[in-house]
Amino acid sequence: MVDVLRGIGVGLLAAFVAVAPASAVTEGPANGARPMGMGGAFTAIADDANAPLYNPAGMAATDGIKMAFTRAAFFSGITDPLVSQDVAHVVFGAGANGFAAGVTSLADGGGVYRETVVSAGYARRIGDSLRLGLLLKRLGAGLDEANPDVAQNPYFADGTSVSAMSADVGALLSPTPGLTVGAAVQNVAPADMTFRPDDGEGAEDVDEASPAVRVGVAYDLSSVAGSAEQAALADILRRSVIAADVLIGSGTSGFGVGAEIGVSQSLAARVGYRTAAGYGESVGALTFGGSLGLNTGSGAVHIDFAADIAGGDLRDNMTQRVSLRGA
């Protein structure tokens, strides 16, 4: 029964959507339309309100208040997805310090199964080149008690929800102008998310939110803008970045590469490629996206879009993400 209920909400995500290990919210996938438009290569960038999802150290890279709200639709449309994920984060930077709070929720289309993460974090800049961050998380998973298949299954007699605490840590280092190296460990303390039967007897597999390591590198092309002979090209380079990520988890691995091209102050284009391997499956996807910025007088609001074009067994499926970012 567990396999059936989680097969839609988690199993598909484990096979492809997460360039991360196993279950969708507790171990990945990271989200945000801006990062995912670049193939998920955001660990060494992490300079907006998506930072808590990729590298907590990025919380110390912001000034003032930044927000991000994302709706992800897996294998279907935005309004009627097979699996959906909603993400909201607020990051506040003041001097060398950064703070964040957020919530993530993933559910299957029928609302039978849901996972949530509630988080709060702190990061600090040390000197001019190093940032360190910590994100504390409460992970939760639950089933709809009103669903007959859930209510009549003795496996869930002891309850239809489970929760645990864990944490992510991260670091960002800028050794030379333009170059940034990032590393993050997700779920430093493995969290047991197993639904347990009421009698406490019988063997069962442990469903853990296991540690996963992300390592990334990014290069800000503004460092080479001065060498461009054309003024228009120099302007584009000043707003552009390229990046690459590698992820290694419990039985899974993946990598992503991508670029963000700042066409103008209010328009950006993104492209990338990412893979996920594990549990006997290996899938790659081309990613693309863009951003439209609107000046509000006191700041800017960005509307981001990203989509995956999968290959292999998932070639007829598409994952879409829409984000609203404010600064």
Protein backbone atom coordinates (compact mmCIF):
# COMPACT_ATOMS: atom_id res chain seq x y z
CA MET A 1 0.00 0.00 0.00
CA VAL A 2 2.80 2.41 0.83
CA ASP A 3 4.39 1.78 -2.54
CA VAL A 4 1.11 2.58 -4.29
CA LEU A 5 0.47 5.78 -2.37
CA ARG A 6 4.00 7.07 -2.68
CA GLY A 7 4.57 5.74 -6.17
CA ILE A 8 2.94 8.74 -7.79
CA GLY A 9 4.03 11.43 -5.36
CA VAL A 10 7.58 10.30 -4.73
CA GLY A 11 8.68 7.41 -6.91
CA LEU A 12 8.52 9.36 -10.16
CA LEU A 13 10.36 12.23 -8.58
CA ALA A 14 13.08 9.92 -7.33
CA ALA A 15 13.56 8.56 -10.84
CA PHE A 16 13.96 11.91 -12.52
CA VAL A 17 12.85 15.25 -11.17
CA ALA A 18 15.30 15.33 -8.27
CA VAL A 19 18.87 15.76 -9.23
CA ALA A 20 18.98 14.60 -5.63
CA PRO A 21 18.26 11.40 -3.73
CA ALA A 22 14.94 9.73 -3.02
CA SER A 23 11.93 11.47 -1.63
CA ALA A 24 10.85 14.75 -3.06
CA VAL A 25 10.71 17.29 -0.25
CA THR A 26 12.74 15.64 2.49
CA GLU A 27 15.77 15.05 0.27
CA GLY A 28 15.07 17.07 -2.87
CA PRO A 29 14.41 18.19 -5.42
CA ALA A 30 15.63 21.67 -4.87
CA ASN A 31 13.35 24.10 -6.66
CA GLY A 32 12.94 27.63 -7.93
CA ALA A 33 12.37 28.50 -11.56
CA ARG A 34 15.55 30.56 -11.82
CA PRO A 35 17.91 27.78 -10.60
CA MET A 36 16.12 25.03 -12.51
CA GLY A 37 16.30 27.01 -15.75
CA MET A 38 20.07 26.65 -15.36
CA GLY A 39 19.95 22.88 -14.92
CA GLY A 40 19.84 23.21 -11.13
CA ALA A 41 23.42 24.52 -11.08
CA PHE A 42 22.90 27.04 -8.28
CA THR A 43 25.04 25.84 -5.35
CA ALA A 44 27.83 28.33 -6.09
CA ILE A 45 25.43 31.18 -7.02
CA ALA A 46 22.79 31.15 -4.23
CA ASP A 47 22.37 34.93 -4.31
CA ASP A 48 18.60 35.29 -3.94
CA ALA A 49 15.74 33.84 -1.89
CA ASN A 50 16.28 30.42 -3.50
CA ALA A 51 19.52 30.14 -1.49
CA PRO A 52 18.08 28.06 1.41
CA LEU A 53 17.16 25.31 -1.07
CA TYR A 54 20.64 25.01 -2.56
CA ASN A 55 23.24 26.47 -0.23
CA PRO A 56 22.42 28.08 3.16
CA ALA A 57 25.61 30.15 2.94
CA GLY A 58 23.93 32.22 0.24
CA MET A 59 21.69 33.78 2.88
CA ALA A 60 24.67 36.02 3.72
CA ALA A 61 24.93 37.17 0.09
CA THR A 62 21.78 39.27 0.22
CA ASP A 63 21.06 42.83 1.35
CA GLY A 64 17.64 43.75 2.65
CA ILE A 65 14.60 41.53 2.16
CA LYS A 66 14.29 39.06 -0.71
CA MET A 67 11.38 36.69 -1.32
CA ALA A 68 10.65 33.80 -3.67
CA PHE A 69 7.41 31.92 -4.27
CA THR A 70 7.43 28.92 -6.63
CA ARG A 71 4.79 26.61 -8.07
CA ALA A 72 6.14 23.44 -9.70
CA ALA A 73 4.04 21.05 -11.77
CA PHE A 74 5.58 17.65 -12.41
CA PHE A 75 4.61 15.67 -15.53
CA SER A 76 1.63 17.83 -16.34
CA GLY A 77 0.31 21.38 -16.49
CA ILE A 78 0.62 24.12 -13.90
CA THR A 79 -3.09 24.06 -13.01
CA ASP A 80 -3.65 20.28 -13.03
CA PRO A 81 -0.36 18.52 -12.25
CA LEU A 82 0.19 14.86 -11.45
CA VAL A 83 2.42 16.04 -8.60
CA SER A 84 2.76 19.64 -7.41
CA GLN A 85 5.20 21.48 -5.18
CA ASP A 86 4.77 24.91 -3.60
CA VAL A 87 7.75 26.76 -2.12
CA ALA A 88 7.97 30.06 -0.23
CA HIS A 89 11.13 31.59 1.26
CA VAL A 90 12.04 34.95 2.74
CA VAL A 91 15.68 35.97 3.20
CA PHE A 92 16.83 39.04 5.12
CA GLY A 93 20.39 40.30 4.89
CA ALA A 94 21.92 42.91 7.17
CA GLY A 95 25.64 43.61 7.00
CA ALA A 96 27.56 40.36 7.33
CA ASN A 97 24.50 38.46 8.58
CA GLY A 98 21.70 36.68 6.76
CA PHE A 99 18.48 35.12 8.03
CA ALA A 100 15.82 33.03 6.31
CA ALA A 101 12.51 31.28 6.89
CA GLY A 102 10.50 29.12 4.53
CA VAL A 103 8.03 26.36 3.88
CA THR A 104 7.85 23.72 1.14
CA SER A 105 4.90 21.46 0.41
CA LEU A 106 4.62 18.61 -2.10
CA ALA A 107 1.46 16.61 -2.83
CA ASP A 108 0.11 14.19 -5.38
CA GLY A 109 -2.77 15.30 -7.57
CA GLY A 110 -5.37 13.52 -5.45
CA GLY A 111 -4.10 14.94 -2.18
CA VAL A 112 -3.61 11.47 -0.66
CA TYR A 113 0.05 12.00 0.20
CA ARG A 114 1.83 15.21 1.25
CA GLU A 115 5.32 16.16 2.38
CA THR A 116 6.26 19.44 4.06
CA VAL A 117 9.41 21.17 5.21
CA VAL A 118 9.42 24.17 7.55
CA SER A 119 12.83 25.82 7.85
CA ALA A 120 14.75 28.67 9.47
CA GLY A 121 18.39 29.55 8.93
CA TYR A 122 21.32 31.84 9.61
CA ALA A 123 24.44 32.66 7.60
CA ARG A 124 27.43 34.92 8.11
CA ARG A 125 30.03 36.46 5.87
CA ILE A 126 33.60 36.05 7.14
CA GLY A 127 36.05 38.44 5.56
CA ASP A 128 35.58 39.30 1.90
CA SER A 129 35.58 35.83 0.41
CA LEU A 130 33.93 33.28 2.76
CA ARG A 131 30.31 32.72 3.77
CA LEU A 132 28.94 29.97 6.02
CA GLY A 133 25.32 29.00 6.64
CA LEU A 134 23.06 26.68 8.66
CA LEU A 135 19.42 25.78 7.93
CA LEU A 136 17.31 23.94 10.52
CA LYS A 137 14.37 21.94 9.14
CA ARG A 138 11.29 20.17 10.41
CA LEU A 139 10.37 17.46 7.89
CA GLY A 140 6.85 16.08 7.76
CA ALA A 141 4.93 13.49 5.75
CA GLY A 142 1.27 12.61 5.98
CA LEU A 143 -1.62 10.74 4.39
CA ASP A 144 -5.25 11.72 4.00
CA GLU A 145 -7.05 9.97 6.88
CA ALA A 146 -10.37 10.25 5.03
CA ASN A 147 -9.12 8.15 2.14
CA PRO A 148 -10.63 4.62 2.49
CA ASP A 149 -7.44 2.88 1.40
CA VAL A 150 -5.57 4.70 4.15
CA ALA A 151 -8.22 4.35 6.86
CA GLN A 152 -8.62 0.60 6.33
CA ASN A 153 -4.92 -0.24 6.14
CA PRO A 154 -3.60 -1.63 9.48
CA TYR A 155 -0.12 -0.40 8.60
CA PHE A 156 -1.28 3.11 9.45
CA ALA A 157 -3.11 2.16 12.65
CA ASP A 158 -0.49 4.03 14.67
CA GLY A 159 -1.00 7.22 12.70
CA THR A 160 -0.98 8.70 9.24
CA SER A 161 1.78 11.25 9.73
CA VAL A 162 5.42 11.35 10.71
CA SER A 163 7.92 14.15 11.35
CA ALA A 164 11.60 14.60 12.18
CA MET A 165 14.25 17.29 12.50
CA SER A 166 17.33 17.73 10.33
CA ALA A 167 19.65 20.45 9.08
CA ASP A 168 21.59 21.66 6.05
CA VAL A 169 24.98 23.38 6.11
CA GLY A 170 26.78 25.25 3.37
CA ALA A 171 29.81 27.32 2.40
CA LEU A 172 30.66 29.76 -0.38
CA LEU A 173 34.21 30.79 -1.22
CA SER A 174 35.29 33.43 -3.75
CA PRO A 175 39.03 32.83 -4.26
CA THR A 176 39.44 35.15 -7.26
CA PRO A 177 37.28 37.84 -8.89
CA GLY A 178 34.38 36.29 -10.76
CA LEU A 179 34.93 32.75 -9.48
CA THR A 180 32.83 31.23 -6.68
CA VAL A 181 32.99 27.70 -5.28
CA GLY A 182 30.11 26.36 -3.21
CA ALA A 183 29.44 23.25 -1.16
CA ALA A 184 26.42 22.16 0.85
CA VAL A 185 25.41 19.10 2.82
CA GLN A 186 21.69 18.43 2.94
CA ASN A 187 20.18 16.50 5.87
CA VAL A 188 23.40 16.41 7.91
CA ALA A 189 21.54 14.37 10.50
CA PRO A 190 19.58 11.56 8.76
CA ALA A 191 15.88 11.84 9.58
CA ASP A 192 13.77 8.71 10.01
CA MET A 193 10.51 9.35 8.14
CA THR A 194 9.12 5.80 8.40
CA PHE A 195 5.43 5.20 9.02
CA ARG A 196 5.43 2.67 11.87
CA PRO A 197 2.73 0.06 12.63
CA ASP A 198 1.00 0.33 16.00
CA ASP A 199 2.36 -2.91 17.46
CA GLY A 200 5.97 -1.93 16.76
CA GLU A 201 6.68 -5.43 15.48
CA GLY A 202 7.70 -6.80 12.11
CA ALA A 203 10.48 -5.90 9.79
CA GLU A 204 10.09 -2.89 7.57
CA ASP A 205 12.34 -0.72 5.47
CA VAL A 206 13.43 2.54 7.05
CA ASP A 207 12.48 5.57 4.99
CA GLU A 208 15.24 8.07 5.74
CA ALA A 209 15.91 11.57 4.58
CA SER A 210 19.59 10.81 4.01
CA PRO A 211 22.56 13.16 3.65
CA ALA A 212 23.37 14.49 0.20
CA VAL A 213 26.37 16.58 -0.85
CA ARG A 214 26.22 19.33 -3.46
CA VAL A 215 29.39 20.89 -4.87
CA GLY A 216 29.29 23.67 -7.41
CA VAL A 217 31.33 26.26 -9.22
CA ALA A 218 30.15 29.50 -10.85
CA TYR A 219 31.83 32.16 -12.92
CA ASP A 220 30.43 35.68 -13.16
CA LEU A 221 31.07 36.84 -16.71
CA SER A 222 31.19 40.46 -15.60
CA SER A 223 34.86 39.70 -14.85
CA VAL A 224 35.57 39.50 -18.58
CA ALA A 225 33.14 42.19 -19.73
CA GLY A 226 35.96 44.72 -19.98
CA SER A 227 37.60 42.72 -22.73
CA ALA A 228 34.53 42.85 -24.99
CA GLU A 229 34.99 45.18 -27.95
CA GLN A 230 31.28 45.88 -28.39
CA ALA A 231 29.45 47.86 -25.70
CA ALA A 232 26.25 45.83 -26.13
CA LEU A 233 28.11 42.56 -25.57
CA ALA A 234 29.88 44.00 -22.54
CA ASP A 235 26.51 44.94 -21.02
CA ILE A 236 25.21 41.40 -21.50
CA LEU A 237 28.33 39.86 -19.96
CA ARG A 238 27.98 42.06 -16.88
CA ARG A 239 24.61 40.45 -16.21
CA SER A 240 25.54 36.84 -17.05
CA VAL A 241 26.87 33.82 -15.20
CA ILE A 242 27.76 30.19 -15.97
CA ALA A 243 27.69 27.39 -13.39
CA ALA A 244 28.04 23.65 -12.81
CA ASP A 245 26.90 21.37 -9.95
CA VAL A 246 27.58 17.80 -8.86
CA LEU A 247 25.38 16.00 -6.35
CA ILE A 248 26.09 12.74 -4.53
CA GLY A 249 23.53 11.15 -2.22
CA SER A 250 22.58 7.81 -0.75
CA GLY A 251 22.50 5.57 -3.82
CA THR A 252 21.97 8.43 -6.24
CA SER A 253 24.01 11.01 -8.08
CA GLY A 254 23.58 13.76 -10.61
CA PHE A 255 25.08 16.82 -12.22
CA GLY A 256 23.86 20.01 -13.78
CA VAL A 257 25.35 22.74 -15.96
CA GLY A 258 23.76 25.98 -17.02
CA ALA A 259 23.98 29.62 -17.94
CA GLU A 260 22.02 32.77 -17.24
CA ILE A 261 22.25 35.44 -19.93
CA GLY A 262 21.20 38.92 -18.86
CA VAL A 263 19.72 40.31 -22.06
CA SER A 264 18.78 43.57 -20.34
CA GLN A 265 18.12 44.95 -16.87
CA SER A 266 14.64 43.41 -16.93
CA LEU A 267 15.05 40.36 -19.20
CA ALA A 268 17.14 37.21 -18.77
CA ALA A 269 17.34 33.88 -20.61
CA ARG A 270 18.52 30.59 -19.10
CA VAL A 271 19.52 27.20 -20.44
CA GLY A 272 20.99 24.08 -18.88
CA TYR A 273 21.26 20.33 -18.78
CA ARG A 274 20.96 17.99 -15.80
CA THR A 275 20.99 14.30 -15.02
CA ALA A 276 19.85 12.01 -12.23
CA ALA A 277 21.09 8.46 -11.67
CA GLY A 278 20.17 5.91 -9.05
CA TYR A 279 17.88 3.04 -8.15
CA GLY A 280 18.68 1.46 -11.50
CA GLU A 281 17.59 4.50 -13.50
CA SER A 282 19.49 7.25 -15.29
CA VAL A 283 17.75 10.14 -17.00
CA GLY A 284 18.85 13.45 -18.51
CA ALA A 285 16.91 16.59 -19.30
CA LEU A 286 17.42 19.81 -21.19
CA THR A 287 16.24 22.81 -19.19
CA PHE A 288 15.36 26.29 -20.31
CA GLY A 289 13.75 29.35 -18.82
CA GLY A 290 13.62 33.08 -18.57
CA SER A 291 12.87 36.04 -16.36
CA LEU A 292 10.95 39.28 -16.71
CA GLY A 293 11.70 42.01 -14.18
CA LEU A 294 9.28 44.76 -13.19
CA ASN A 295 10.50 47.88 -11.39
CA THR A 296 8.27 48.74 -8.43
CA GLY A 297 10.05 51.92 -7.41
CA SER A 298 11.26 50.53 -4.08
CA GLY A 299 12.67 47.37 -5.69
CA ALA A 300 12.05 44.86 -8.44
CA VAL A 301 9.76 41.89 -8.96
CA HIS A 302 10.89 39.07 -11.23
CA ILE A 303 8.59 36.55 -12.87
CA ASP A 304 10.60 33.40 -13.64
CA PHE A 305 9.66 30.39 -15.74
CA ALA A 306 11.51 27.13 -16.27
CA ALA A 307 10.77 23.81 -17.96
CA ASP A 308 12.46 20.42 -18.28
CA ILE A 309 12.45 18.47 -21.54
CA ALA A 310 13.21 14.93 -20.45
CA GLY A 311 14.71 12.09 -22.42
CA GLY A 312 14.59 8.33 -22.10
CA ASP A 313 11.46 6.82 -20.58
CA LEU A 314 10.18 10.27 -19.62
CA ARG A 315 10.56 11.87 -23.04
CA ASP A 316 6.82 12.60 -23.31
CA ASN A 317 6.71 14.40 -19.95
CA MET A 318 7.52 17.97 -18.98
CA THR A 319 8.06 19.62 -15.62
CA GLN A 320 7.25 23.31 -15.36
CA ARG A 321 8.02 25.88 -12.70
CA VAL A 322 6.82 29.45 -12.19
CA SER A 323 8.37 31.72 -9.56
CA LEU A 324 7.74 35.21 -8.27
CA ARG A 325 10.87 36.81 -6.80
CA GLY A 326 10.99 40.12 -5.02
CA ALA A 327 13.90 42.25 -3.84
